[in-house]
Amino acid sequence: MFAQAFLHKPVLALIDEPLINFDPIMQRKVKDYLAGYVKSGGTIFISTHILEIAEEICTGFAILHKGKLLYNGEISELAGKKQHLAEFFFSQVKDD
């Protein structure tokens, strides 16, 4: 299904949990493919519950909680706050 999604080279791809059910080798290949896809001008929106994955492969992020947009920003902002995405996420949802 992953290959089918990119076969026609869409300008925009929406992907839910892109690394689920892949072994570590395939996860690395998918991450590298997505990075190259974006570098070549494509745009990808990823939905994931694994915040470390989002922090590793995304440039921007949004925090949605209980149907509300709580925050929208760039991953690079987190370095200035000296926080990882998971820590920042919990500061926004307040362990709710």
PDB file of N, CA and C in Angstrom:
ATOM      1  N   MET A   1       0.828  -1.198   0.000  1.00  0.00           N
ATOM      2  CA  MET A   1       0.000   0.000   0.000  1.00  0.00           C
ATOM      3  C   MET A   1       0.869   1.257   0.000  1.00  0.00           C
ATOM      4  N   PHE A   2       1.993   1.181   0.707  1.00  0.00           N
ATOM      5  CA  PHE A   2       2.877   2.346   0.747  1.00  0.00           C
ATOM      6  C   PHE A   2       3.375   2.684  -0.659  1.00  0.00           C
ATOM      7  N   ALA A   3       3.822   1.683  -1.389  1.00  0.00           N
ATOM      8  CA  ALA A   3       4.309   1.901  -2.750  1.00  0.00           C
ATOM      9  C   ALA A   3       3.198   2.451  -3.654  1.00  0.00           C
ATOM     10  N   GLN A   4       1.999   1.925  -3.505  1.00  0.00           N
ATOM     11  CA  GLN A   4       0.880   2.404  -4.315  1.00  0.00           C
ATOM     12  C   GLN A   4       0.588   3.879  -4.066  1.00  0.00           C
ATOM     13  N   ALA A   5       0.735   4.303  -2.833  1.00  0.00           N
ATOM     14  CA  ALA A   5       0.434   5.694  -2.486  1.00  0.00           C
ATOM     15  C   ALA A   5       1.357   6.675  -3.207  1.00  0.00           C
ATOM     16  N   PHE A   6       2.587   6.242  -3.489  1.00  0.00           N
ATOM     17  CA  PHE A   6       3.563   7.144  -4.098  1.00  0.00           C
ATOM     18  C   PHE A   6       3.826   6.848  -5.570  1.00  0.00           C
ATOM     19  N   LEU A   7       3.182   5.844  -6.115  1.00  0.00           N
ATOM     20  CA  LEU A   7       3.403   5.435  -7.494  1.00  0.00           C
ATOM     21  C   LEU A   7       3.157   6.582  -8.481  1.00  0.00           C
ATOM     22  N   HIS A   8       2.116   7.352  -8.253  1.00  0.00           N
ATOM     23  CA  HIS A   8       1.777   8.443  -9.173  1.00  0.00           C
ATOM     24  C   HIS A   8       2.409   9.779  -8.767  1.00  0.00           C
ATOM     25  N   LYS A   9       3.323   9.754  -7.805  1.00  0.00           N
ATOM     26  CA  LYS A   9       4.077  10.936  -7.357  1.00  0.00           C
ATOM     27  C   LYS A   9       3.163  12.121  -6.996  1.00  0.00           C
ATOM     28  N   PRO A  10       2.321  11.943  -5.997  1.00  0.00           N
ATOM     29  CA  PRO A  10       1.416  13.038  -5.614  1.00  0.00           C
ATOM     30  C   PRO A  10       2.202  14.224  -5.026  1.00  0.00           C
ATOM     31  N   VAL A  11       1.654  15.402  -5.168  1.00  0.00           N
ATOM     32  CA  VAL A  11       2.272  16.596  -4.592  1.00  0.00           C
ATOM     33  C   VAL A  11       2.109  16.571  -3.073  1.00  0.00           C
ATOM     34  N   LEU A  12       1.003  16.008  -2.608  1.00  0.00           N
ATOM     35  CA  LEU A  12       0.678  15.948  -1.191  1.00  0.00           C
ATOM     36  C   LEU A  12       0.282  14.518  -0.824  1.00  0.00           C
ATOM     37  N   ALA A  13       0.844  14.020   0.273  1.00  0.00           N
ATOM     38  CA  ALA A  13       0.483  12.684   0.754  1.00  0.00           C
ATOM     39  C   ALA A  13       0.081  12.787   2.224  1.00  0.00           C
ATOM     40  N   LEU A  14      -1.007  12.156   2.589  1.00  0.00           N
ATOM     41  CA  LEU A  14      -1.459  12.075   3.968  1.00  0.00           C
ATOM     42  C   LEU A  14      -1.245  10.645   4.423  1.00  0.00           C
ATOM     43  N   ILE A  15      -0.456  10.453   5.479  1.00  0.00           N
ATOM     44  CA  ILE A  15      -0.089   9.101   5.906  1.00  0.00           C
ATOM     45  C   ILE A  15      -0.385   8.938   7.388  1.00  0.00           C
ATOM     46  N   ASP A  16      -1.110   7.894   7.713  1.00  0.00           N
ATOM     47  CA  ASP A  16      -1.425   7.573   9.105  1.00  0.00           C
ATOM     48  C   ASP A  16      -0.472   6.478   9.581  1.00  0.00           C
ATOM     49  N   GLU A  17       0.273   6.755  10.637  1.00  0.00           N
ATOM     50  CA  GLU A  17       1.207   5.794  11.249  1.00  0.00           C
ATOM     51  C   GLU A  17       2.074   5.099  10.193  1.00  0.00           C
ATOM     52  N   PRO A  18       2.962   5.838   9.531  1.00  0.00           N
ATOM     53  CA  PRO A  18       3.702   5.287   8.395  1.00  0.00           C
ATOM     54  C   PRO A  18       4.685   4.163   8.711  1.00  0.00           C
ATOM     55  N   LEU A  19       5.091   3.999   9.962  1.00  0.00           N
ATOM     56  CA  LEU A  19       6.098   2.986  10.272  1.00  0.00           C
ATOM     57  C   LEU A  19       5.549   1.775  11.016  1.00  0.00           C
ATOM     58  N   ILE A  20       4.263   1.773  11.286  1.00  0.00           N
ATOM     59  CA  ILE A  20       3.653   0.653  11.990  1.00  0.00           C
ATOM     60  C   ILE A  20       3.788  -0.617  11.148  1.00  0.00           C
ATOM     61  N   ASN A  21       4.091  -1.713  11.807  1.00  0.00           N
ATOM     62  CA  ASN A  21       4.212  -3.047  11.204  1.00  0.00           C
ATOM     63  C   ASN A  21       5.439  -3.230  10.319  1.00  0.00           C
ATOM     64  N   PHE A  22       6.372  -2.290  10.329  1.00  0.00           N
ATOM     65  CA  PHE A  22       7.620  -2.461   9.600  1.00  0.00           C
ATOM     66  C   PHE A  22       8.728  -2.828  10.577  1.00  0.00           C
ATOM     67  N   ASP A  23       9.621  -3.697  10.149  1.00  0.00           N
ATOM     68  CA  ASP A  23      10.790  -4.012  10.971  1.00  0.00           C
ATOM     69  C   ASP A  23      11.757  -2.816  10.914  1.00  0.00           C
ATOM     70  N   PRO A  24      12.767  -2.775  11.781  1.00  0.00           N
ATOM     71  CA  PRO A  24      13.678  -1.620  11.824  1.00  0.00           C
ATOM     72  C   PRO A  24      14.363  -1.308  10.491  1.00  0.00           C
ATOM     73  N   ILE A  25      14.684  -2.326   9.710  1.00  0.00           N
ATOM     74  CA  ILE A  25      15.336  -2.079   8.419  1.00  0.00           C
ATOM     75  C   ILE A  25      14.379  -1.360   7.474  1.00  0.00           C
ATOM     76  N   MET A  26      13.147  -1.841   7.397  1.00  0.00           N
ATOM     77  CA  MET A  26      12.161  -1.204   6.521  1.00  0.00           C
ATOM     78  C   MET A  26      11.779   0.184   7.047  1.00  0.00           C
ATOM     79  N   GLN A  27      11.736   0.365   8.363  1.00  0.00           N
ATOM     80  CA  GLN A  27      11.453   1.689   8.917  1.00  0.00           C
ATOM     81  C   GLN A  27      12.493   2.697   8.440  1.00  0.00           C
ATOM     82  N   ARG A  28      13.767   2.312   8.467  1.00  0.00           N
ATOM     83  CA  ARG A  28      14.830   3.213   8.009  1.00  0.00           C
ATOM     84  C   ARG A  28      14.658   3.524   6.535  1.00  0.00           C
ATOM     85  N   LYS A  29      14.307   2.529   5.724  1.00  0.00           N
ATOM     86  CA  LYS A  29      14.105   2.749   4.292  1.00  0.00           C
ATOM     87  C   LYS A  29      12.932   3.704   4.052  1.00  0.00           C
ATOM     88  N   VAL A  30      11.847   3.527   4.805  1.00  0.00           N
ATOM     89  CA  VAL A  30      10.685   4.404   4.650  1.00  0.00           C
ATOM     90  C   VAL A  30      11.037   5.827   5.069  1.00  0.00           C
ATOM     91  N   LYS A  31      11.726   5.986   6.190  1.00  0.00           N
ATOM     92  CA  LYS A  31      12.144   7.326   6.631  1.00  0.00           C
ATOM     93  C   LYS A  31      13.009   8.005   5.579  1.00  0.00           C
ATOM     94  N   ASP A  32      13.975   7.255   5.028  1.00  0.00           N
ATOM     95  CA  ASP A  32      14.851   7.819   3.998  1.00  0.00           C
ATOM     96  C   ASP A  32      14.057   8.189   2.751  1.00  0.00           C
ATOM     97  N   TYR A  33      13.101   7.342   2.373  1.00  0.00           N
ATOM     98  CA  TYR A  33      12.278   7.641   1.203  1.00  0.00           C
ATOM     99  C   TYR A  33      11.470   8.921   1.437  1.00  0.00           C
ATOM    100  N   LEU A  34      10.840   9.018   2.603  1.00  0.00           N
ATOM    101  CA  LEU A  34      10.023  10.204   2.897  1.00  0.00           C
ATOM    102  C   LEU A  34      10.871  11.469   2.905  1.00  0.00           C
ATOM    103  N   ALA A  35      12.065  11.395   3.478  1.00  0.00           N
ATOM    104  CA  ALA A  35      12.959  12.559   3.502  1.00  0.00           C
ATOM    105  C   ALA A  35      13.329  12.979   2.076  1.00  0.00           C
ATOM    106  N   GLY A  36      13.644  12.011   1.229  1.00  0.00           N
ATOM    107  CA  GLY A  36      13.968  12.320  -0.158  1.00  0.00           C
ATOM    108  C   GLY A  36      12.786  12.877  -0.922  1.00  0.00           C
ATOM    109  N   TYR A  37      11.614  12.349  -0.624  1.00  0.00           N
ATOM    110  CA  TYR A  37      10.382  12.810  -1.273  1.00  0.00           C
ATOM    111  C   TYR A  37      10.129  14.287  -0.960  1.00  0.00           C
ATOM    112  N   VAL A  38      10.309  14.646   0.293  1.00  0.00           N
ATOM    113  CA  VAL A  38      10.111  16.039   0.698  1.00  0.00           C
ATOM    114  C   VAL A  38      11.202  16.924   0.089  1.00  0.00           C
ATOM    115  N   LYS A  39      12.431  16.436   0.092  1.00  0.00           N
ATOM    116  CA  LYS A  39      13.545  17.192  -0.482  1.00  0.00           C
ATOM    117  C   LYS A  39      13.315  17.489  -1.958  1.00  0.00           C
ATOM    118  N   SER A  40      12.628  16.586  -2.643  1.00  0.00           N
ATOM    119  CA  SER A  40      12.369  16.785  -4.066  1.00  0.00           C
ATOM    120  C   SER A  40      11.122  17.636  -4.330  1.00  0.00           C
ATOM    121  N   GLY A  41      10.517  18.175  -3.280  1.00  0.00           N
ATOM    122  CA  GLY A  41       9.396  19.096  -3.462  1.00  0.00           C
ATOM    123  C   GLY A  41       8.042  18.591  -3.014  1.00  0.00           C
ATOM    124  N   GLY A  42       7.941  17.350  -2.585  1.00  0.00           N
ATOM    125  CA  GLY A  42       6.665  16.820  -2.117  1.00  0.00           C
ATOM    126  C   GLY A  42       6.343  17.287  -0.706  1.00  0.00           C
ATOM    127  N   THR A  43       5.095  17.180  -0.337  1.00  0.00           N
ATOM    128  CA  THR A  43       4.646  17.531   1.008  1.00  0.00           C
ATOM    129  C   THR A  43       3.960  16.311   1.612  1.00  0.00           C
ATOM    130  N   ILE A  44       4.296  16.030   2.862  1.00  0.00           N
ATOM    131  CA  ILE A  44       3.725  14.871   3.541  1.00  0.00           C
ATOM    132  C   ILE A  44       3.166  15.303   4.888  1.00  0.00           C
ATOM    133  N   PHE A  45       1.943  14.908   5.171  1.00  0.00           N
ATOM    134  CA  PHE A  45       1.342  15.073   6.489  1.00  0.00           C
ATOM    135  C   PHE A  45       1.306  13.685   7.122  1.00  0.00           C
ATOM    136  N   ILE A  46       1.856  13.577   8.314  1.00  0.00           N
ATOM    137  CA  ILE A  46       1.915  12.299   9.012  1.00  0.00           C
ATOM    138  C   ILE A  46       1.109  12.401  10.298  1.00  0.00           C
ATOM    139  N   SER A  47       0.286  11.413  10.530  1.00  0.00           N
ATOM    140  CA  SER A  47      -0.415  11.285  11.800  1.00  0.00           C
ATOM    141  C   SER A  47       0.251  10.138  12.548  1.00  0.00           C
ATOM    142  N   THR A  48       0.727  10.401  13.764  1.00  0.00           N
ATOM    143  CA  THR A  48       1.366   9.349  14.538  1.00  0.00           C
ATOM    144  C   THR A  48       1.180   9.586  16.031  1.00  0.00           C
ATOM    145  N   HIS A  49       1.160   8.496  16.767  1.00  0.00           N
ATOM    146  CA  HIS A  49       1.132   8.567  18.216  1.00  0.00           C
ATOM    147  C   HIS A  49       2.528   8.365  18.790  1.00  0.00           C
ATOM    148  N   ILE A  50       3.491   8.066  17.925  1.00  0.00           N
ATOM    149  CA  ILE A  50       4.861   7.868  18.369  1.00  0.00           C
ATOM    150  C   ILE A  50       5.617   9.165  18.126  1.00  0.00           C
ATOM    151  N   LEU A  51       5.713   9.965  19.168  1.00  0.00           N
ATOM    152  CA  LEU A  51       6.237  11.313  19.032  1.00  0.00           C
ATOM    153  C   LEU A  51       7.701  11.352  18.629  1.00  0.00           C
ATOM    154  N   GLU A  52       8.459  10.341  18.996  1.00  0.00           N
ATOM    155  CA  GLU A  52       9.866  10.293  18.608  1.00  0.00           C
ATOM    156  C   GLU A  52      10.008  10.196  17.086  1.00  0.00           C
ATOM    157  N   ILE A  53       9.088   9.483  16.447  1.00  0.00           N
ATOM    158  CA  ILE A  53       9.108   9.386  14.985  1.00  0.00           C
ATOM    159  C   ILE A  53       8.827  10.753  14.376  1.00  0.00           C
ATOM    160  N   ALA A  54       7.823  11.430  14.885  1.00  0.00           N
ATOM    161  CA  ALA A  54       7.492  12.764  14.367  1.00  0.00           C
ATOM    162  C   ALA A  54       8.673  13.715  14.539  1.00  0.00           C
ATOM    163  N   GLU A  55       9.301  13.665  15.691  1.00  0.00           N
ATOM    164  CA  GLU A  55      10.437  14.556  15.949  1.00  0.00           C
ATOM    165  C   GLU A  55      11.608  14.246  15.012  1.00  0.00           C
ATOM    166  N   GLU A  56      11.774  12.985  14.698  1.00  0.00           N
ATOM    167  CA  GLU A  56      12.906  12.580  13.848  1.00  0.00           C
ATOM    168  C   GLU A  56      12.698  12.930  12.381  1.00  0.00           C
ATOM    169  N   ILE A  57      11.490  12.764  11.864  1.00  0.00           N
ATOM    170  CA  ILE A  57      11.325  12.893  10.408  1.00  0.00           C
ATOM    171  C   ILE A  57      10.520  14.104   9.947  1.00  0.00           C
ATOM    172  N   CYS A  58       9.909  14.839  10.863  1.00  0.00           N
ATOM    173  CA  CYS A  58       9.083  15.975  10.449  1.00  0.00           C
ATOM    174  C   CYS A  58       9.822  17.298  10.638  1.00  0.00           C
ATOM    175  N   THR A  59       9.419  18.296   9.859  1.00  0.00           N
ATOM    176  CA  THR A  59       9.952  19.637  10.046  1.00  0.00           C
ATOM    177  C   THR A  59       8.978  20.502  10.836  1.00  0.00           C
ATOM    178  N   GLY A  60       7.706  20.248  10.688  1.00  0.00           N
ATOM    179  CA  GLY A  60       6.682  20.979  11.425  1.00  0.00           C
ATOM    180  C   GLY A  60       5.778  20.001  12.143  1.00  0.00           C
ATOM    181  N   PHE A  61       5.028  20.500  13.113  1.00  0.00           N
ATOM    182  CA  PHE A  61       4.116  19.626  13.850  1.00  0.00           C
ATOM    183  C   PHE A  61       2.928  20.414  14.370  1.00  0.00           C
ATOM    184  N   ALA A  62       1.866  19.684  14.645  1.00  0.00           N
ATOM    185  CA  ALA A  62       0.677  20.253  15.263  1.00  0.00           C
ATOM    186  C   ALA A  62       0.241  19.291  16.358  1.00  0.00           C
ATOM    187  N   ILE A  63      -0.226  19.850  17.452  1.00  0.00           N
ATOM    188  CA  ILE A  63      -0.739  19.033  18.545  1.00  0.00           C
ATOM    189  C   ILE A  63      -2.244  19.196  18.570  1.00  0.00           C
ATOM    190  N   LEU A  64      -2.924  18.076  18.345  1.00  0.00           N
ATOM    191  CA  LEU A  64      -4.378  18.034  18.413  1.00  0.00           C
ATOM    192  C   LEU A  64      -4.754  17.252  19.655  1.00  0.00           C
ATOM    193  N   HIS A  65      -5.702  17.788  20.416  1.00  0.00           N
ATOM    194  CA  HIS A  65      -6.129  17.115  21.641  1.00  0.00           C
ATOM    195  C   HIS A  65      -7.610  17.383  21.858  1.00  0.00           C
ATOM    196  N   LYS A  66      -8.362  16.313  21.984  1.00  0.00           N
ATOM    197  CA  LYS A  66      -9.814  16.407  22.189  1.00  0.00           C
ATOM    198  C   LYS A  66     -10.476  17.292  21.141  1.00  0.00           C
ATOM    199  N   GLY A  67     -10.040  17.136  19.890  1.00  0.00           N
ATOM    200  CA  GLY A  67     -10.643  17.861  18.787  1.00  0.00           C
ATOM    201  C   GLY A  67     -10.206  19.300  18.630  1.00  0.00           C
ATOM    202  N   LYS A  68      -9.244  19.740  19.423  1.00  0.00           N
ATOM    203  CA  LYS A  68      -8.778  21.128  19.344  1.00  0.00           C
ATOM    204  C   LYS A  68      -7.317  21.171  18.921  1.00  0.00           C
ATOM    205  N   LEU A  69      -6.986  22.186  18.129  1.00  0.00           N
ATOM    206  CA  LEU A  69      -5.598  22.433  17.776  1.00  0.00           C
ATOM    207  C   LEU A  69      -4.974  23.229  18.917  1.00  0.00           C
ATOM    208  N   LEU A  70      -4.041  22.597  19.631  1.00  0.00           N
ATOM    209  CA  LEU A  70      -3.402  23.256  20.762  1.00  0.00           C
ATOM    210  C   LEU A  70      -2.131  24.001  20.379  1.00  0.00           C
ATOM    211  N   TYR A  71      -1.442  23.491  19.357  1.00  0.00           N
ATOM    212  CA  TYR A  71      -0.175  24.119  18.988  1.00  0.00           C
ATOM    213  C   TYR A  71       0.181  23.727  17.570  1.00  0.00           C
ATOM    214  N   ASN A  72       0.834  24.639  16.878  1.00  0.00           N
ATOM    215  CA  ASN A  72       1.309  24.406  15.525  1.00  0.00           C
ATOM    216  C   ASN A  72       2.657  25.104  15.412  1.00  0.00           C
ATOM    217  N   GLY A  73       3.702  24.364  15.065  1.00  0.00           N
ATOM    218  CA  GLY A  73       5.011  24.994  14.991  1.00  0.00           C
ATOM    219  C   GLY A  73       6.031  24.148  14.262  1.00  0.00           C
ATOM    220  N   GLU A  74       7.271  24.554  14.391  1.00  0.00           N
ATOM    221  CA  GLU A  74       8.391  23.879  13.737  1.00  0.00           C
ATOM    222  C   GLU A  74       9.157  23.035  14.754  1.00  0.00           C
ATOM    223  N   ILE A  75       9.624  21.883  14.316  1.00  0.00           N
ATOM    224  CA  ILE A  75      10.430  21.021  15.184  1.00  0.00           C
ATOM    225  C   ILE A  75      11.667  21.774  15.674  1.00  0.00           C
ATOM    226  N   SER A  76      12.234  22.617  14.836  1.00  0.00           N
ATOM    227  CA  SER A  76      13.445  23.354  15.209  1.00  0.00           C
ATOM    228  C   SER A  76      13.219  24.268  16.423  1.00  0.00           C
ATOM    229  N   GLU A  77      11.983  24.680  16.678  1.00  0.00           N
ATOM    230  CA  GLU A  77      11.669  25.514  17.848  1.00  0.00           C
ATOM    231  C   GLU A  77      11.962  24.776  19.157  1.00  0.00           C
ATOM    232  N   LEU A  78      11.855  23.462  19.126  1.00  0.00           N
ATOM    233  CA  LEU A  78      12.026  22.677  20.347  1.00  0.00           C
ATOM    234  C   LEU A  78      13.456  22.753  20.868  1.00  0.00           C
ATOM    235  N   ALA A  79      14.424  22.867  19.972  1.00  0.00           N
ATOM    236  CA  ALA A  79      15.821  22.970  20.405  1.00  0.00           C
ATOM    237  C   ALA A  79      16.010  24.235  21.243  1.00  0.00           C
ATOM    238  N   GLY A  80      15.381  25.327  20.837  1.00  0.00           N
ATOM    239  CA  GLY A  80      15.452  26.572  21.600  1.00  0.00           C
ATOM    240  C   GLY A  80      14.795  26.460  22.967  1.00  0.00           C
ATOM    241  N   LYS A  81      13.790  25.596  23.056  1.00  0.00           N
ATOM    242  CA  LYS A  81      13.095  25.383  24.331  1.00  0.00           C
ATOM    243  C   LYS A  81      13.774  24.284  25.152  1.00  0.00           C
ATOM    244  N   LYS A  82      14.798  23.656  24.540  1.00  0.00           N
ATOM    245  CA  LYS A  82      15.510  22.538  25.176  1.00  0.00           C
ATOM    246  C   LYS A  82      14.547  21.441  25.623  1.00  0.00           C
ATOM    247  N   GLN A  83      13.619  21.114  24.725  1.00  0.00           N
ATOM    248  CA  GLN A  83      12.639  20.069  24.994  1.00  0.00           C
ATOM    249  C   GLN A  83      12.558  19.121  23.811  1.00  0.00           C
ATOM    250  N   HIS A  84      12.183  17.903  24.096  1.00  0.00           N
ATOM    251  CA  HIS A  84      11.829  16.966  23.048  1.00  0.00           C
ATOM    252  C   HIS A  84      10.334  17.092  22.820  1.00  0.00           C
ATOM    253  N   LEU A  85       9.873  16.597  21.692  1.00  0.00           N
ATOM    254  CA  LEU A  85       8.465  16.717  21.334  1.00  0.00           C
ATOM    255  C   LEU A  85       7.555  16.087  22.378  1.00  0.00           C
ATOM    256  N   ALA A  86       7.937  14.939  22.923  1.00  0.00           N
ATOM    257  CA  ALA A  86       7.089  14.282  23.925  1.00  0.00           C
ATOM    258  C   ALA A  86       6.923  15.170  25.158  1.00  0.00           C
ATOM    259  N   GLU A  87       7.996  15.774  25.623  1.00  0.00           N
ATOM    260  CA  GLU A  87       7.912  16.668  26.787  1.00  0.00           C
ATOM    261  C   GLU A  87       7.034  17.878  26.478  1.00  0.00           C
ATOM    262  N   PHE A  88       7.223  18.441  25.278  1.00  0.00           N
ATOM    263  CA  PHE A  88       6.433  19.596  24.883  1.00  0.00           C
ATOM    264  C   PHE A  88       4.961  19.234  24.761  1.00  0.00           C
ATOM    265  N   PHE A  89       4.682  18.067  24.189  1.00  0.00           N
ATOM    266  CA  PHE A  89       3.312  17.599  24.062  1.00  0.00           C
ATOM    267  C   PHE A  89       2.618  17.572  25.426  1.00  0.00           C
ATOM    268  N   PHE A  90       3.272  16.948  26.423  1.00  0.00           N
ATOM    269  CA  PHE A  90       2.650  16.851  27.743  1.00  0.00           C
ATOM    270  C   PHE A  90       2.496  18.210  28.403  1.00  0.00           C
ATOM    271  N   SER A  91       3.387  19.145  28.115  1.00  0.00           N
ATOM    272  CA  SER A  91       3.220  20.491  28.676  1.00  0.00           C
ATOM    273  C   SER A  91       1.992  21.184  28.093  1.00  0.00           C
ATOM    274  N   GLN A  92       1.621  20.821  26.870  1.00  0.00           N
ATOM    275  CA  GLN A  92       0.457  21.416  26.228  1.00  0.00           C
ATOM    276  C   GLN A  92      -0.851  20.757  26.639  1.00  0.00           C
ATOM    277  N   VAL A  93      -0.853  19.436  26.796  1.00  0.00           N
ATOM    278  CA  VAL A  93      -2.095  18.737  27.152  1.00  0.00           C
ATOM    279  C   VAL A  93      -2.257  18.622  28.652  1.00  0.00           C
ATOM    280  N   LYS A  94      -1.217  18.951  29.387  1.00  0.00           N
ATOM    281  CA  LYS A  94      -1.236  18.964  30.847  1.00  0.00           C
ATOM    282  C   LYS A  94      -1.645  17.615  31.431  1.00  0.00           C
ATOM    283  N   ASP A  95      -1.066  16.534  30.844  1.00  0.00           N
ATOM    284  CA  ASP A  95      -1.306  15.158  31.304  1.00  0.00           C
ATOM    285  C   ASP A  95      -2.775  14.799  31.376  1.00  0.00           C
ATOM    286  N   ASP A  96      -3.589  15.470  30.592  1.00  0.00           N
ATOM    287  CA  ASP A  96      -5.047  15.274  30.601  1.00  0.00           C
ATOM    288  C   ASP A  96      -5.430  13.899  30.128  1.00  0.00           C
TER     289      ASP A  96
END
